[in-house]
Amino acid sequence: LTDDVADLGIGLILSTLRRVCVADRFVRSGAWNDADFQLGTQFSGKSVGIIGLGRIGSAIAKRAEALAVPLVIALGQRNWMWATSTTKRSKGHPHKHWTRCTCC
C-alpha cells in the first residue's frame, strides 16, 4: 500500500503541474479545434516538500529523487533537511544523501 500511495502522490503532482484534467476537458469539449491550450509547468526545477520520513514520505522521496528534484524534508518543529540527488555527504554521515540537516 505504501508504494501505491507514493505513486499516486507523484502522479497527482505531475497531473496538477501539467494540467492533465484541464487538458482532458479541453479536448473532450472540442475546443482544441478553435484555440491553443496553455501547457502547465515542468516538474524539473521545482522543489518537493515532504513532511515526515516514515514509510510513505521515504517512498515519495525516493521517487522524487529519481526525477532529480530537490527535496526539503520536515522531520519535526525545528528539524529539517535539504537534499538533492546530485550532492552527497560522506558515507559515515547518518544522512549520507542530505546536503544539510539540523540533526547533526
PDB file of N, CA and C in Angstrom:
ATOM      1  N   LEU A   1       0.818  -1.195   0.000  1.00  0.00           N
ATOM      2  CA  LEU A   1       0.000   0.000   0.000  1.00  0.00           C
ATOM      3  C   LEU A   1       0.867   1.267   0.000  1.00  0.00           C
ATOM      4  N   THR A   2       2.027   1.188   0.645  1.00  0.00           N
ATOM      5  CA  THR A   2       2.932   2.348   0.686  1.00  0.00           C
ATOM      6  C   THR A   2       3.345   2.780  -0.713  1.00  0.00           C
ATOM      7  N   ASP A   3       3.744   1.819  -1.534  1.00  0.00           N
ATOM      8  CA  ASP A   3       4.161   2.152  -2.897  1.00  0.00           C
ATOM      9  C   ASP A   3       3.011   2.735  -3.712  1.00  0.00           C
ATOM     10  N   ASP A   4       1.811   2.213  -3.499  1.00  0.00           N
ATOM     11  CA  ASP A   4       0.648   2.730  -4.219  1.00  0.00           C
ATOM     12  C   ASP A   4       0.369   4.180  -3.850  1.00  0.00           C
ATOM     13  N   VAL A   5       0.460   4.502  -2.561  1.00  0.00           N
ATOM     14  CA  VAL A   5       0.223   5.874  -2.100  1.00  0.00           C
ATOM     15  C   VAL A   5       1.304   6.808  -2.639  1.00  0.00           C
ATOM     16  N   ALA A   6       2.564   6.361  -2.616  1.00  0.00           N
ATOM     17  CA  ALA A   6       3.665   7.186  -3.129  1.00  0.00           C
ATOM     18  C   ALA A   6       3.510   7.413  -4.632  1.00  0.00           C
ATOM     19  N   ASP A   7       3.146   6.368  -5.365  1.00  0.00           N
ATOM     20  CA  ASP A   7       2.919   6.516  -6.811  1.00  0.00           C
ATOM     21  C   ASP A   7       1.806   7.517  -7.074  1.00  0.00           C
ATOM     22  N   LEU A   8       0.719   7.402  -6.321  1.00  0.00           N
ATOM     23  CA  LEU A   8      -0.407   8.318  -6.503  1.00  0.00           C
ATOM     24  C   LEU A   8      -0.003   9.755  -6.161  1.00  0.00           C
ATOM     25  N   GLY A   9       0.794   9.930  -5.111  1.00  0.00           N
ATOM     26  CA  GLY A   9       1.259  11.269  -4.733  1.00  0.00           C
ATOM     27  C   GLY A   9       2.062  11.921  -5.843  1.00  0.00           C
ATOM     28  N   ILE A  10       3.017  11.196  -6.406  1.00  0.00           N
ATOM     29  CA  ILE A  10       3.818  11.732  -7.515  1.00  0.00           C
ATOM     30  C   ILE A  10       2.924  11.955  -8.732  1.00  0.00           C
ATOM     31  N   GLY A  11       1.992  11.036  -8.972  1.00  0.00           N
ATOM     32  CA  GLY A  11       1.060  11.187 -10.093  1.00  0.00           C
ATOM     33  C   GLY A  11       0.202  12.431  -9.966  1.00  0.00           C
ATOM     34  N   LEU A  12      -0.271  12.722  -8.751  1.00  0.00           N
ATOM     35  CA  LEU A  12      -1.080  13.919  -8.533  1.00  0.00           C
ATOM     36  C   LEU A  12      -0.266  15.193  -8.724  1.00  0.00           C
ATOM     37  N   ILE A  13       0.991  15.157  -8.307  1.00  0.00           N
ATOM     38  CA  ILE A  13       1.867  16.317  -8.524  1.00  0.00           C
ATOM     39  C   ILE A  13       2.021  16.574 -10.028  1.00  0.00           C
ATOM     40  N   LEU A  14       2.332  15.513 -10.776  1.00  0.00           N
ATOM     41  CA  LEU A  14       2.505  15.655 -12.225  1.00  0.00           C
ATOM     42  C   LEU A  14       1.208  16.088 -12.903  1.00  0.00           C
ATOM     43  N   SER A  15       0.097  15.508 -12.480  1.00  0.00           N
ATOM     44  CA  SER A  15      -1.200  15.856 -13.056  1.00  0.00           C
ATOM     45  C   SER A  15      -1.547  17.321 -12.820  1.00  0.00           C
ATOM     46  N   THR A  16      -1.259  17.805 -11.625  1.00  0.00           N
ATOM     47  CA  THR A  16      -1.552  19.200 -11.304  1.00  0.00           C
ATOM     48  C   THR A  16      -0.645  20.155 -12.081  1.00  0.00           C
ATOM     49  N   LEU A  17       0.644  19.868 -12.088  1.00  0.00           N
ATOM     50  CA  LEU A  17       1.579  20.751 -12.787  1.00  0.00           C
ATOM     51  C   LEU A  17       1.340  20.781 -14.294  1.00  0.00           C
ATOM     52  N   ARG A  18       1.022  19.637 -14.865  1.00  0.00           N
ATOM     53  CA  ARG A  18       0.841  19.556 -16.319  1.00  0.00           C
ATOM     54  C   ARG A  18      -0.603  19.771 -16.751  1.00  0.00           C
ATOM     55  N   ARG A  19      -1.502  20.029 -15.785  1.00  0.00           N
ATOM     56  CA  ARG A  19      -2.907  20.360 -16.046  1.00  0.00           C
ATOM     57  C   ARG A  19      -3.605  19.268 -16.858  1.00  0.00           C
ATOM     58  N   VAL A  20      -3.432  18.028 -16.442  1.00  0.00           N
ATOM     59  CA  VAL A  20      -3.978  16.888 -17.180  1.00  0.00           C
ATOM     60  C   VAL A  20      -5.504  16.924 -17.215  1.00  0.00           C
ATOM     61  N   CYS A  21      -6.147  17.183 -16.091  1.00  0.00           N
ATOM     62  CA  CYS A  21      -7.624  17.213 -16.059  1.00  0.00           C
ATOM     63  C   CYS A  21      -8.179  18.353 -16.899  1.00  0.00           C
ATOM     64  N   VAL A  22      -7.540  19.507 -16.842  1.00  0.00           N
ATOM     65  CA  VAL A  22      -7.977  20.653 -17.651  1.00  0.00           C
ATOM     66  C   VAL A  22      -7.790  20.338 -19.133  1.00  0.00           C
ATOM     67  N   ALA A  23      -6.678  19.702 -19.473  1.00  0.00           N
ATOM     68  CA  ALA A  23      -6.419  19.344 -20.864  1.00  0.00           C
ATOM     69  C   ALA A  23      -7.441  18.320 -21.358  1.00  0.00           C
ATOM     70  N   ASP A  24      -7.822  17.388 -20.505  1.00  0.00           N
ATOM     71  CA  ASP A  24      -8.830  16.396 -20.870  1.00  0.00           C
ATOM     72  C   ASP A  24     -10.162  17.076 -21.196  1.00  0.00           C
ATOM     73  N   ARG A  25     -10.583  18.002 -20.342  1.00  0.00           N
ATOM     74  CA  ARG A  25     -11.833  18.735 -20.598  1.00  0.00           C
ATOM     75  C   ARG A  25     -11.730  19.574 -21.874  1.00  0.00           C
ATOM     76  N   PHE A  26     -10.576  20.166 -22.107  1.00  0.00           N
ATOM     77  CA  PHE A  26     -10.342  20.977 -23.302  1.00  0.00           C
ATOM     78  C   PHE A  26     -10.530  20.143 -24.567  1.00  0.00           C
ATOM     79  N   VAL A  27      -9.951  18.944 -24.577  1.00  0.00           N
ATOM     80  CA  VAL A  27     -10.046  18.080 -25.753  1.00  0.00           C
ATOM     81  C   VAL A  27     -11.465  17.536 -25.914  1.00  0.00           C
ATOM     82  N   ARG A  28     -12.065  17.070 -24.833  1.00  0.00           N
ATOM     83  CA  ARG A  28     -13.411  16.490 -24.917  1.00  0.00           C
ATOM     84  C   ARG A  28     -14.469  17.505 -25.331  1.00  0.00           C
ATOM     85  N   SER A  29     -14.265  18.770 -24.983  1.00  0.00           N
ATOM     86  CA  SER A  29     -15.247  19.803 -25.351  1.00  0.00           C
ATOM     87  C   SER A  29     -15.133  20.218 -26.814  1.00  0.00           C
ATOM     88  N   GLY A  30     -14.073  19.808 -27.470  1.00  0.00           N
ATOM     89  CA  GLY A  30     -13.872  20.181 -28.869  1.00  0.00           C
ATOM     90  C   GLY A  30     -13.200  21.524 -29.047  1.00  0.00           C
ATOM     91  N   ALA A  31     -12.801  22.153 -27.948  1.00  0.00           N
ATOM     92  CA  ALA A  31     -12.174  23.471 -28.029  1.00  0.00           C
ATOM     93  C   ALA A  31     -10.809  23.424 -28.707  1.00  0.00           C
ATOM     94  N   TRP A  32     -10.211  22.267 -28.804  1.00  0.00           N
ATOM     95  CA  TRP A  32      -8.890  22.159 -29.410  1.00  0.00           C
ATOM     96  C   TRP A  32      -8.927  22.521 -30.902  1.00  0.00           C
ATOM     97  N   ASN A  33     -10.114  22.476 -31.504  1.00  0.00           N
ATOM     98  CA  ASN A  33     -10.240  22.874 -32.921  1.00  0.00           C
ATOM     99  C   ASN A  33     -10.086  24.374 -33.111  1.00  0.00           C
ATOM    100  N   ASP A  34     -10.459  25.156 -32.088  1.00  0.00           N
ATOM    101  CA  ASP A  34     -10.524  26.607 -32.237  1.00  0.00           C
ATOM    102  C   ASP A  34      -9.460  27.393 -31.468  1.00  0.00           C
ATOM    103  N   ALA A  35      -8.856  26.782 -30.463  1.00  0.00           N
ATOM    104  CA  ALA A  35      -7.958  27.560 -29.594  1.00  0.00           C
ATOM    105  C   ALA A  35      -6.714  26.748 -29.247  1.00  0.00           C
ATOM    106  N   ASP A  36      -5.697  27.462 -28.818  1.00  0.00           N
ATOM    107  CA  ASP A  36      -4.475  26.821 -28.321  1.00  0.00           C
ATOM    108  C   ASP A  36      -4.633  26.532 -26.837  1.00  0.00           C
ATOM    109  N   PHE A  37      -4.016  25.469 -26.386  1.00  0.00           N
ATOM    110  CA  PHE A  37      -4.062  25.101 -24.969  1.00  0.00           C
ATOM    111  C   PHE A  37      -2.729  25.472 -24.321  1.00  0.00           C
ATOM    112  N   GLN A  38      -2.807  26.144 -23.197  1.00  0.00           N
ATOM    113  CA  GLN A  38      -1.594  26.521 -22.459  1.00  0.00           C
ATOM    114  C   GLN A  38      -1.125  25.332 -21.629  1.00  0.00           C
ATOM    115  N   LEU A  39       0.036  24.818 -21.958  1.00  0.00           N
ATOM    116  CA  LEU A  39       0.579  23.699 -21.194  1.00  0.00           C
ATOM    117  C   LEU A  39       0.938  24.147 -19.786  1.00  0.00           C
ATOM    118  N   GLY A  40       0.978  23.200 -18.873  1.00  0.00           N
ATOM    119  CA  GLY A  40       1.347  23.500 -17.491  1.00  0.00           C
ATOM    120  C   GLY A  40       2.846  23.664 -17.345  1.00  0.00           C
ATOM    121  N   THR A  41       3.275  23.711 -16.108  1.00  0.00           N
ATOM    122  CA  THR A  41       4.698  23.892 -15.825  1.00  0.00           C
ATOM    123  C   THR A  41       5.399  22.551 -15.694  1.00  0.00           C
ATOM    124  N   GLN A  42       6.709  22.576 -15.836  1.00  0.00           N
ATOM    125  CA  GLN A  42       7.513  21.360 -15.736  1.00  0.00           C
ATOM    126  C   GLN A  42       7.766  21.000 -14.281  1.00  0.00           C
ATOM    127  N   PHE A  43       7.946  19.713 -14.031  1.00  0.00           N
ATOM    128  CA  PHE A  43       8.274  19.233 -12.690  1.00  0.00           C
ATOM    129  C   PHE A  43       9.751  19.475 -12.386  1.00  0.00           C
ATOM    130  N   SER A  44      10.592  19.358 -13.403  1.00  0.00           N
ATOM    131  CA  SER A  44      12.018  19.581 -13.197  1.00  0.00           C
ATOM    132  C   SER A  44      12.243  21.042 -12.821  1.00  0.00           C
ATOM    133  N   GLY A  45      13.138  21.244 -11.890  1.00  0.00           N
ATOM    134  CA  GLY A  45      13.420  22.590 -11.415  1.00  0.00           C
ATOM    135  C   GLY A  45      12.592  23.003 -10.216  1.00  0.00           C
ATOM    136  N   LYS A  46      11.568  22.225  -9.882  1.00  0.00           N
ATOM    137  CA  LYS A  46      10.745  22.505  -8.703  1.00  0.00           C
ATOM    138  C   LYS A  46      11.345  21.797  -7.495  1.00  0.00           C
ATOM    139  N   SER A  47      11.032  22.282  -6.312  1.00  0.00           N
ATOM    140  CA  SER A  47      11.419  21.607  -5.078  1.00  0.00           C
ATOM    141  C   SER A  47      10.203  20.886  -4.516  1.00  0.00           C
ATOM    142  N   VAL A  48      10.424  19.743  -3.898  1.00  0.00           N
ATOM    143  CA  VAL A  48       9.347  18.966  -3.297  1.00  0.00           C
ATOM    144  C   VAL A  48       9.527  18.992  -1.789  1.00  0.00           C
ATOM    145  N   GLY A  49       8.477  19.372  -1.085  1.00  0.00           N
ATOM    146  CA  GLY A  49       8.493  19.361   0.374  1.00  0.00           C
ATOM    147  C   GLY A  49       7.770  18.139   0.898  1.00  0.00           C
ATOM    148  N   ILE A  50       8.391  17.450   1.832  1.00  0.00           N
ATOM    149  CA  ILE A  50       7.809  16.245   2.422  1.00  0.00           C
ATOM    150  C   ILE A  50       7.794  16.421   3.931  1.00  0.00           C
ATOM    151  N   ILE A  51       6.645  16.177   4.535  1.00  0.00           N
ATOM    152  CA  ILE A  51       6.540  16.255   5.987  1.00  0.00           C
ATOM    153  C   ILE A  51       6.623  14.839   6.535  1.00  0.00           C
ATOM    154  N   GLY A  52       7.728  14.545   7.191  1.00  0.00           N
ATOM    155  CA  GLY A  52       7.940  13.231   7.780  1.00  0.00           C
ATOM    156  C   GLY A  52       8.610  12.260   6.823  1.00  0.00           C
ATOM    157  N   LEU A  53       9.489  11.425   7.375  1.00  0.00           N
ATOM    158  CA  LEU A  53      10.169  10.411   6.574  1.00  0.00           C
ATOM    159  C   LEU A  53       9.791   9.017   7.052  1.00  0.00           C
ATOM    160  N   GLY A  54       8.509   8.801   7.201  1.00  0.00           N
ATOM    161  CA  GLY A  54       8.022   7.462   7.503  1.00  0.00           C
ATOM    162  C   GLY A  54       8.037   6.629   6.232  1.00  0.00           C
ATOM    163  N   ARG A  55       7.211   5.599   6.199  1.00  0.00           N
ATOM    164  CA  ARG A  55       7.184   4.719   5.028  1.00  0.00           C
ATOM    165  C   ARG A  55       6.794   5.484   3.766  1.00  0.00           C
ATOM    166  N   ILE A  56       5.709   6.251   3.844  1.00  0.00           N
ATOM    167  CA  ILE A  56       5.216   6.946   2.652  1.00  0.00           C
ATOM    168  C   ILE A  56       6.125   8.112   2.279  1.00  0.00           C
ATOM    169  N   GLY A  57       6.556   8.891   3.260  1.00  0.00           N
ATOM    170  CA  GLY A  57       7.464  10.004   2.976  1.00  0.00           C
ATOM    171  C   GLY A  57       8.754   9.542   2.330  1.00  0.00           C
ATOM    172  N   SER A  58       9.303   8.438   2.828  1.00  0.00           N
ATOM    173  CA  SER A  58      10.532   7.883   2.246  1.00  0.00           C
ATOM    174  C   SER A  58      10.305   7.398   0.824  1.00  0.00           C
ATOM    175  N   ALA A  59       9.151   6.768   0.590  1.00  0.00           N
ATOM    176  CA  ALA A  59       8.843   6.266  -0.755  1.00  0.00           C
ATOM    177  C   ALA A  59       8.659   7.422  -1.745  1.00  0.00           C
ATOM    178  N   ILE A  60       8.014   8.495  -1.301  1.00  0.00           N
ATOM    179  CA  ILE A  60       7.853   9.669  -2.169  1.00  0.00           C
ATOM    180  C   ILE A  60       9.210  10.313  -2.422  1.00  0.00           C
ATOM    181  N   ALA A  61      10.047  10.414  -1.387  1.00  0.00           N
ATOM    182  CA  ALA A  61      11.388  10.995  -1.554  1.00  0.00           C
ATOM    183  C   ALA A  61      12.210  10.188  -2.554  1.00  0.00           C
ATOM    184  N   LYS A  62      12.103   8.877  -2.496  1.00  0.00           N
ATOM    185  CA  LYS A  62      12.833   8.017  -3.421  1.00  0.00           C
ATOM    186  C   LYS A  62      12.397   8.278  -4.866  1.00  0.00           C
ATOM    187  N   ARG A  63      11.102   8.415  -5.073  1.00  0.00           N
ATOM    188  CA  ARG A  63      10.589   8.679  -6.422  1.00  0.00           C
ATOM    189  C   ARG A  63      10.954  10.086  -6.895  1.00  0.00           C
ATOM    190  N   ALA A  64      10.855  11.058  -6.005  1.00  0.00           N
ATOM    191  CA  ALA A  64      11.196  12.436  -6.371  1.00  0.00           C
ATOM    192  C   ALA A  64      12.686  12.561  -6.681  1.00  0.00           C
ATOM    193  N   GLU A  65      13.514  11.834  -5.934  1.00  0.00           N
ATOM    194  CA  GLU A  65      14.951  11.867  -6.197  1.00  0.00           C
ATOM    195  C   GLU A  65      15.262  11.292  -7.579  1.00  0.00           C
ATOM    196  N   ALA A  66      14.502  10.279  -7.991  1.00  0.00           N
ATOM    197  CA  ALA A  66      14.695   9.703  -9.321  1.00  0.00           C
ATOM    198  C   ALA A  66      14.359  10.711 -10.411  1.00  0.00           C
ATOM    199  N   LEU A  67      13.500  11.669 -10.099  1.00  0.00           N
ATOM    200  CA  LEU A  67      13.149  12.720 -11.053  1.00  0.00           C
ATOM    201  C   LEU A  67      14.076  13.930 -10.946  1.00  0.00           C
ATOM    202  N   ALA A  68      15.109  13.827 -10.107  1.00  0.00           N
ATOM    203  CA  ALA A  68      16.152  14.855  -9.954  1.00  0.00           C
ATOM    204  C   ALA A  68      15.591  16.198  -9.497  1.00  0.00           C
ATOM    205  N   VAL A  69      14.661  16.173  -8.546  1.00  0.00           N
ATOM    206  CA  VAL A  69      14.157  17.417  -7.967  1.00  0.00           C
ATOM    207  C   VAL A  69      14.700  17.555  -6.548  1.00  0.00           C
ATOM    208  N   PRO A  70      15.024  18.773  -6.125  1.00  0.00           N
ATOM    209  CA  PRO A  70      15.488  18.977  -4.753  1.00  0.00           C
ATOM    210  C   PRO A  70      14.368  18.672  -3.757  1.00  0.00           C
ATOM    211  N   LEU A  71      14.753  18.134  -2.612  1.00  0.00           N
ATOM    212  CA  LEU A  71      13.790  17.788  -1.571  1.00  0.00           C
ATOM    213  C   LEU A  71      14.027  18.630  -0.329  1.00  0.00           C
ATOM    214  N   VAL A  72      12.950  19.044   0.310  1.00  0.00           N
ATOM    215  CA  VAL A  72      13.009  19.655   1.634  1.00  0.00           C
ATOM    216  C   VAL A  72      12.167  18.764   2.527  1.00  0.00           C
ATOM    217  N   ILE A  73      12.792  18.222   3.557  1.00  0.00           N
ATOM    218  CA  ILE A  73      12.132  17.269   4.446  1.00  0.00           C
ATOM    219  C   ILE A  73      11.943  17.912   5.808  1.00  0.00           C
ATOM    220  N   ALA A  74      10.719  17.925   6.306  1.00  0.00           N
ATOM    221  CA  ALA A  74      10.433  18.415   7.658  1.00  0.00           C
ATOM    222  C   ALA A  74      10.266  17.205   8.569  1.00  0.00           C
ATOM    223  N   LEU A  75      11.131  17.109   9.576  1.00  0.00           N
ATOM    224  CA  LEU A  75      11.088  15.969  10.490  1.00  0.00           C
ATOM    225  C   LEU A  75      10.440  16.316  11.821  1.00  0.00           C
ATOM    226  N   GLY A  76      10.291  17.555  12.105  1.00  0.00           N
ATOM    227  CA  GLY A  76       9.692  17.991  13.358  1.00  0.00           C
ATOM    228  C   GLY A  76       9.586  19.501  13.352  1.00  0.00           C
ATOM    229  N   GLN A  77       9.331  20.076  14.510  1.00  0.00           N
ATOM    230  CA  GLN A  77       9.134  21.518  14.570  1.00  0.00           C
ATOM    231  C   GLN A  77      10.358  22.298  14.128  1.00  0.00           C
ATOM    232  N   ARG A  78      11.533  21.868  14.526  1.00  0.00           N
ATOM    233  CA  ARG A  78      12.754  22.619  14.179  1.00  0.00           C
ATOM    234  C   ARG A  78      13.814  21.739  13.553  1.00  0.00           C
ATOM    235  N   ASN A  79      13.403  20.631  13.032  1.00  0.00           N
ATOM    236  CA  ASN A  79      14.349  19.688  12.459  1.00  0.00           C
ATOM    237  C   ASN A  79      13.975  19.449  11.006  1.00  0.00           C
ATOM    238  N   TRP A  80      14.806  19.885  10.085  1.00  0.00           N
ATOM    239  CA  TRP A  80      14.534  19.728   8.677  1.00  0.00           C
ATOM    240  C   TRP A  80      15.821  19.371   7.955  1.00  0.00           C
ATOM    241  N   MET A  81      15.691  18.861   6.747  1.00  0.00           N
ATOM    242  CA  MET A  81      16.846  18.514   5.932  1.00  0.00           C
ATOM    243  C   MET A  81      16.599  18.970   4.509  1.00  0.00           C
ATOM    244  N   TRP A  82      17.657  19.311   3.835  1.00  0.00           N
ATOM    245  CA  TRP A  82      17.608  19.706   2.427  1.00  0.00           C
ATOM    246  C   TRP A  82      18.404  18.667   1.657  1.00  0.00           C
ATOM    247  N   ALA A  83      17.817  18.125   0.620  1.00  0.00           N
ATOM    248  CA  ALA A  83      18.503  17.071  -0.120  1.00  0.00           C
ATOM    249  C   ALA A  83      18.447  17.335  -1.603  1.00  0.00           C
ATOM    250  N   THR A  84      19.481  16.922  -2.287  1.00  0.00           N
ATOM    251  CA  THR A  84      19.459  16.919  -3.744  1.00  0.00           C
ATOM    252  C   THR A  84      20.017  15.591  -4.213  1.00  0.00           C
ATOM    253  N   SER A  85      19.708  15.228  -5.406  1.00  0.00           N
ATOM    254  CA  SER A  85      20.204  13.948  -5.912  1.00  0.00           C
ATOM    255  C   SER A  85      21.623  14.072  -6.458  1.00  0.00           C
ATOM    256  N   THR A  86      22.138  15.280  -6.578  1.00  0.00           N
ATOM    257  CA  THR A  86      23.453  15.456  -7.193  1.00  0.00           C
ATOM    258  C   THR A  86      24.577  15.597  -6.172  1.00  0.00           C
ATOM    259  N   THR A  87      24.277  16.043  -4.964  1.00  0.00           N
ATOM    260  CA  THR A  87      25.326  16.216  -3.971  1.00  0.00           C
ATOM    261  C   THR A  87      25.106  15.224  -2.836  1.00  0.00           C
ATOM    262  N   LYS A  88      26.178  14.622  -2.381  1.00  0.00           N
ATOM    263  CA  LYS A  88      26.070  13.616  -1.331  1.00  0.00           C
ATOM    264  C   LYS A  88      27.118  13.876  -0.253  1.00  0.00           C
ATOM    265  N   ARG A  89      26.780  13.537   0.963  1.00  0.00           N
ATOM    266  CA  ARG A  89      27.733  13.654   2.067  1.00  0.00           C
ATOM    267  C   ARG A  89      28.619  12.421   2.115  1.00  0.00           C
ATOM    268  N   SER A  90      29.535  12.438   3.055  1.00  0.00           N
ATOM    269  CA  SER A  90      30.422  11.288   3.201  1.00  0.00           C
ATOM    270  C   SER A  90      29.633  10.072   3.667  1.00  0.00           C
ATOM    271  N   LYS A  91      30.170   8.888   3.424  1.00  0.00           N
ATOM    272  CA  LYS A  91      29.472   7.652   3.773  1.00  0.00           C
ATOM    273  C   LYS A  91      29.296   7.476   5.269  1.00  0.00           C
ATOM    274  N   GLY A  92      30.100   8.129   6.074  1.00  0.00           N
ATOM    275  CA  GLY A  92      29.984   7.998   7.517  1.00  0.00           C
ATOM    276  C   GLY A  92      28.851   8.825   8.117  1.00  0.00           C
ATOM    277  N   HIS A  93      28.334   9.774   7.370  1.00  0.00           N
ATOM    278  CA  HIS A  93      27.267  10.631   7.871  1.00  0.00           C
ATOM    279  C   HIS A  93      25.957   9.846   7.910  1.00  0.00           C
ATOM    280  N   PRO A  94      25.164   9.985   8.987  1.00  0.00           N
ATOM    281  CA  PRO A  94      23.933   9.206   9.074  1.00  0.00           C
ATOM    282  C   PRO A  94      22.918   9.530   7.982  1.00  0.00           C
ATOM    283  N   HIS A  95      22.988  10.702   7.433  1.00  0.00           N
ATOM    284  CA  HIS A  95      22.109  11.075   6.329  1.00  0.00           C
ATOM    285  C   HIS A  95      22.980  11.350   5.113  1.00  0.00           C
ATOM    286  N   LYS A  96      23.575  10.302   4.573  1.00  0.00           N
ATOM    287  CA  LYS A  96      24.597  10.478   3.544  1.00  0.00           C
ATOM    288  C   LYS A  96      24.097  11.151   2.269  1.00  0.00           C
ATOM    289  N   HIS A  97      22.779  11.133   2.019  1.00  0.00           N
ATOM    290  CA  HIS A  97      22.263  11.763   0.808  1.00  0.00           C
ATOM    291  C   HIS A  97      21.825  13.205   1.040  1.00  0.00           C
ATOM    292  N   TRP A  98      21.856  13.677   2.277  1.00  0.00           N
ATOM    293  CA  TRP A  98      21.377  15.018   2.577  1.00  0.00           C
ATOM    294  C   TRP A  98      22.540  16.003   2.551  1.00  0.00           C
ATOM    295  N   THR A  99      22.328  17.158   1.937  1.00  0.00           N
ATOM    296  CA  THR A  99      23.390  18.128   1.854  1.00  0.00           C
ATOM    297  C   THR A  99      23.453  19.002   3.109  1.00  0.00           C
ATOM    298  N   ARG A 100      22.358  19.128   3.819  1.00  0.00           N
ATOM    299  CA  ARG A 100      22.356  19.928   5.038  1.00  0.00           C
ATOM    300  C   ARG A 100      21.238  19.412   5.931  1.00  0.00           C
ATOM    301  N   CYS A 101      21.523  19.225   7.187  1.00  0.00           N
ATOM    302  CA  CYS A 101      20.453  18.807   8.099  1.00  0.00           C
ATOM    303  C   CYS A 101      20.685  19.463   9.452  1.00  0.00           C
ATOM    304  N   THR A 102      19.623  19.615  10.214  1.00  0.00           N
ATOM    305  CA  THR A 102      19.713  20.278  11.507  1.00  0.00           C
ATOM    306  C   THR A 102      19.869  19.289  12.652  1.00  0.00           C
ATOM    307  N   CYS A 103      19.922  17.998  12.322  1.00  0.00           N
ATOM    308  CA  CYS A 103      20.008  17.000  13.388  1.00  0.00           C
ATOM    309  C   CYS A 103      21.447  16.747  13.829  1.00  0.00           C
ATOM    310  N   CYS A 104      22.417  17.162  13.032  1.00  0.00           N
ATOM    311  CA  CYS A 104      23.813  16.900  13.412  1.00  0.00           C
ATOM    312  C   CYS A 104      24.735  17.980  12.893  1.00  0.00           C
TER     313      CYS A 104
END
